[in-house]
Structures are given as C-alpha cells and as structure tokens.
Amino acid sequence: MGFRFRRSIKIVPGVRVNLGKKGASVSVGRRGANVTVGKTGVRTTVGLPGTGLSHTTLHRCNAAGATRNRPKRDRRRPIILFCIAFLLLVLMAVFT
C-alpha cells in the first residue's frame, strides 16, 4: 500500500491551502459551498451541511480530447486561476 500525504492550512476564515503529495490547491468558500483551484482545474462543490449530500463539478483547465496538432496549453493559466481565487478570498475577508 502506498503512502499518502495531505495537509490543509487555514489562511483566513473561508480560505484554505491544501497540500498533497502531487501538488497544492486553494479552496475558497463556506460550509455548504466552495470552489477549489488546483492543477487539474476548478472544482465547485455544493452540499447540504449535516446530511452528507453534495454535488461536485470539475472544470478542467485543458480541453478534453486534445490532439497533437493543437498547441500546448498556456502554463500561466493555473497561476491566473490562483490569483482569481486569492482575490475572491480578499473580497470575502473585507465584506464579512
């Protein structure tokens, strides 16, 4: 069995940095709804707190079914998504 590593660090209320063996991500949101930006894309999760019911949607950064003729995706895109998530974090901190 392989080893696992996962660490979640709370930055401010509503924002966490998640560290794992394969990379890092940023989660922004409250109980019941959050947005996570990581290297695989943007994941939105909506749930009913206390019930265990939730729905998750993954919006990948690169297009599915990419062919060899297409140019490589822009490496700056995850950085841009991280900046957007960080701005959302700051706005949530200011207005709550």
C-alpha atoms as a PDB file:
ATOM      1  CA  MET A   1       0.000   0.000   0.000  1.00  0.00           C
ATOM      2  CA  GLY A   2       1.305   3.456  -0.903  1.00  0.00           C
ATOM      3  CA  PHE A   3       1.901   6.359   1.395  1.00  0.00           C
ATOM      4  CA  ARG A   4      -0.465   9.331   1.452  1.00  0.00           C
ATOM      5  CA  PHE A   5       0.189  12.918   2.406  1.00  0.00           C
ATOM      6  CA  ARG A   6      -2.441  15.630   2.810  1.00  0.00           C
ATOM      7  CA  ARG A   7      -2.311  18.831   4.801  1.00  0.00           C
ATOM      8  CA  SER A   8      -4.881  21.644   4.915  1.00  0.00           C
ATOM      9  CA  ILE A   9      -3.843  25.075   6.208  1.00  0.00           C
ATOM     10  CA  LYS A  10      -6.471  27.677   7.094  1.00  0.00           C
ATOM     11  CA  ILE A  11      -5.342  31.111   5.869  1.00  0.00           C
ATOM     12  CA  VAL A  12      -8.388  33.177   6.867  1.00  0.00           C
ATOM     13  CA  PRO A  13     -11.986  32.146   7.518  1.00  0.00           C
ATOM     14  CA  GLY A  14     -13.286  30.670   4.280  1.00  0.00           C
ATOM     15  CA  VAL A  15      -9.894  30.100   2.619  1.00  0.00           C
ATOM     16  CA  ARG A  16      -7.619  27.068   2.871  1.00  0.00           C
ATOM     17  CA  VAL A  17      -4.427  25.963   1.153  1.00  0.00           C
ATOM     18  CA  ASN A  18      -4.403  22.202   0.616  1.00  0.00           C
ATOM     19  CA  LEU A  19      -1.055  20.459   0.253  1.00  0.00           C
ATOM     20  CA  GLY A  20      -0.712  16.923  -1.051  1.00  0.00           C
ATOM     21  CA  LYS A  21       1.868  14.544  -2.425  1.00  0.00           C
ATOM     22  CA  LYS A  22       1.161  15.581  -6.028  1.00  0.00           C
ATOM     23  CA  GLY A  23       0.584  19.312  -5.622  1.00  0.00           C
ATOM     24  CA  ALA A  24      -1.267  22.150  -3.954  1.00  0.00           C
ATOM     25  CA  SER A  25      -4.673  23.790  -4.296  1.00  0.00           C
ATOM     26  CA  VAL A  26      -6.627  26.697  -2.839  1.00  0.00           C
ATOM     27  CA  SER A  27     -10.189  26.336  -1.523  1.00  0.00           C
ATOM     28  CA  VAL A  28     -12.481  29.337  -1.091  1.00  0.00           C
ATOM     29  CA  GLY A  29     -15.947  29.156   0.371  1.00  0.00           C
ATOM     30  CA  ARG A  30     -18.124  28.475   3.343  1.00  0.00           C
ATOM     31  CA  ARG A  31     -19.781  25.410   4.731  1.00  0.00           C
ATOM     32  CA  GLY A  32     -22.097  24.066   2.046  1.00  0.00           C
ATOM     33  CA  ALA A  33     -20.425  25.632  -0.989  1.00  0.00           C
ATOM     34  CA  ASN A  34     -16.818  26.101  -2.058  1.00  0.00           C
ATOM     35  CA  VAL A  35     -14.544  26.480  -5.066  1.00  0.00           C
ATOM     36  CA  THR A  36     -11.178  24.723  -5.253  1.00  0.00           C
ATOM     37  CA  VAL A  37      -8.485  25.750  -7.725  1.00  0.00           C
ATOM     38  CA  GLY A  38      -5.750  23.197  -8.373  1.00  0.00           C
ATOM     39  CA  LYS A  39      -3.560  21.838 -11.145  1.00  0.00           C
ATOM     40  CA  THR A  40      -6.336  19.650 -12.589  1.00  0.00           C
ATOM     41  CA  GLY A  41      -8.789  22.535 -12.850  1.00  0.00           C
ATOM     42  CA  VAL A  42     -11.501  24.300 -10.897  1.00  0.00           C
ATOM     43  CA  ARG A  43     -13.793  22.183  -8.735  1.00  0.00           C
ATOM     44  CA  THR A  44     -17.095  23.537  -7.419  1.00  0.00           C
ATOM     45  CA  THR A  45     -18.871  21.730  -4.598  1.00  0.00           C
ATOM     46  CA  VAL A  46     -22.355  22.423  -3.244  1.00  0.00           C
ATOM     47  CA  GLY A  47     -23.813  20.423  -0.384  1.00  0.00           C
ATOM     48  CA  LEU A  48     -26.361  20.302   2.381  1.00  0.00           C
ATOM     49  CA  PRO A  49     -24.433  20.673   5.659  1.00  0.00           C
ATOM     50  CA  GLY A  50     -25.018  17.898   8.147  1.00  0.00           C
ATOM     51  CA  THR A  51     -26.573  15.486   5.637  1.00  0.00           C
ATOM     52  CA  GLY A  52     -23.544  14.140   3.803  1.00  0.00           C
ATOM     53  CA  LEU A  53     -25.165  15.035   0.460  1.00  0.00           C
ATOM     54  CA  SER A  54     -23.129  17.060  -2.010  1.00  0.00           C
ATOM     55  CA  HIS A  55     -22.568  17.609  -5.722  1.00  0.00           C
ATOM     56  CA  THR A  56     -19.148  18.275  -7.248  1.00  0.00           C
ATOM     57  CA  THR A  57     -18.319  19.519 -10.733  1.00  0.00           C
ATOM     58  CA  LEU A  58     -14.801  19.614 -12.172  1.00  0.00           C
ATOM     59  CA  HIS A  59     -13.957  22.183 -14.846  1.00  0.00           C
ATOM     60  CA  ARG A  60     -10.663  21.048 -16.354  1.00  0.00           C
ATOM     61  CA  CYS A  61      -8.000  23.537 -17.406  1.00  0.00           C
ATOM     62  CA  ASN A  62      -7.229  21.760 -20.673  1.00  0.00           C
ATOM     63  CA  ALA A  63      -9.753  20.674 -23.282  1.00  0.00           C
ATOM     64  CA  ALA A  64     -10.714  17.013 -23.328  1.00  0.00           C
ATOM     65  CA  GLY A  65      -9.635  15.110 -26.389  1.00  0.00           C
ATOM     66  CA  ALA A  66      -6.772  17.425 -27.301  1.00  0.00           C
ATOM     67  CA  THR A  67      -4.925  16.358 -30.435  1.00  0.00           C
ATOM     68  CA  ARG A  68      -1.237  16.573 -31.256  1.00  0.00           C
ATOM     69  CA  ASN A  69      -1.821  19.364 -33.758  1.00  0.00           C
ATOM     70  CA  ARG A  70      -3.112  21.725 -31.110  1.00  0.00           C
ATOM     71  CA  PRO A  71      -0.586  23.969 -29.382  1.00  0.00           C
ATOM     72  CA  LYS A  72       0.313  23.210 -25.770  1.00  0.00           C
ATOM     73  CA  ARG A  73      -1.846  24.895 -23.183  1.00  0.00           C
ATOM     74  CA  ASP A  74      -0.683  28.073 -21.563  1.00  0.00           C
ATOM     75  CA  ARG A  75       1.272  27.264 -18.376  1.00  0.00           C
ATOM     76  CA  ARG A  76       0.169  30.563 -16.827  1.00  0.00           C
ATOM     77  CA  ARG A  77      -3.493  29.565 -16.652  1.00  0.00           C
ATOM     78  CA  PRO A  78      -3.312  27.853 -13.209  1.00  0.00           C
ATOM     79  CA  ILE A  79      -1.488  30.917 -11.880  1.00  0.00           C
ATOM     80  CA  ILE A  80      -4.262  33.159 -13.196  1.00  0.00           C
ATOM     81  CA  LEU A  81      -6.891  30.919 -11.571  1.00  0.00           C
ATOM     82  CA  PHE A  82      -4.941  31.029  -8.311  1.00  0.00           C
ATOM     83  CA  CYS A  83      -4.887  34.851  -8.459  1.00  0.00           C
ATOM     84  CA  ILE A  84      -8.648  34.941  -9.070  1.00  0.00           C
ATOM     85  CA  ALA A  85      -9.244  32.641  -6.093  1.00  0.00           C
ATOM     86  CA  PHE A  86      -6.964  34.809  -3.954  1.00  0.00           C
ATOM     87  CA  LEU A  87      -8.885  37.953  -4.956  1.00  0.00           C
ATOM     88  CA  LEU A  88     -12.148  36.239  -4.033  1.00  0.00           C
ATOM     89  CA  LEU A  89     -10.601  35.408  -0.682  1.00  0.00           C
ATOM     90  CA  VAL A  90      -9.613  39.007  -0.035  1.00  0.00           C
ATOM     91  CA  LEU A  91     -13.075  40.268  -1.032  1.00  0.00           C
ATOM     92  CA  MET A  92     -14.727  37.744   1.276  1.00  0.00           C
ATOM     93  CA  ALA A  93     -12.474  38.827   4.125  1.00  0.00           C
ATOM     94  CA  VAL A  94     -13.244  42.501   3.558  1.00  0.00           C
ATOM     95  CA  PHE A  95     -17.020  42.156   3.228  1.00  0.00           C
ATOM     96  CA  THR A  96     -17.683  39.652   6.028  1.00  0.00           C
END
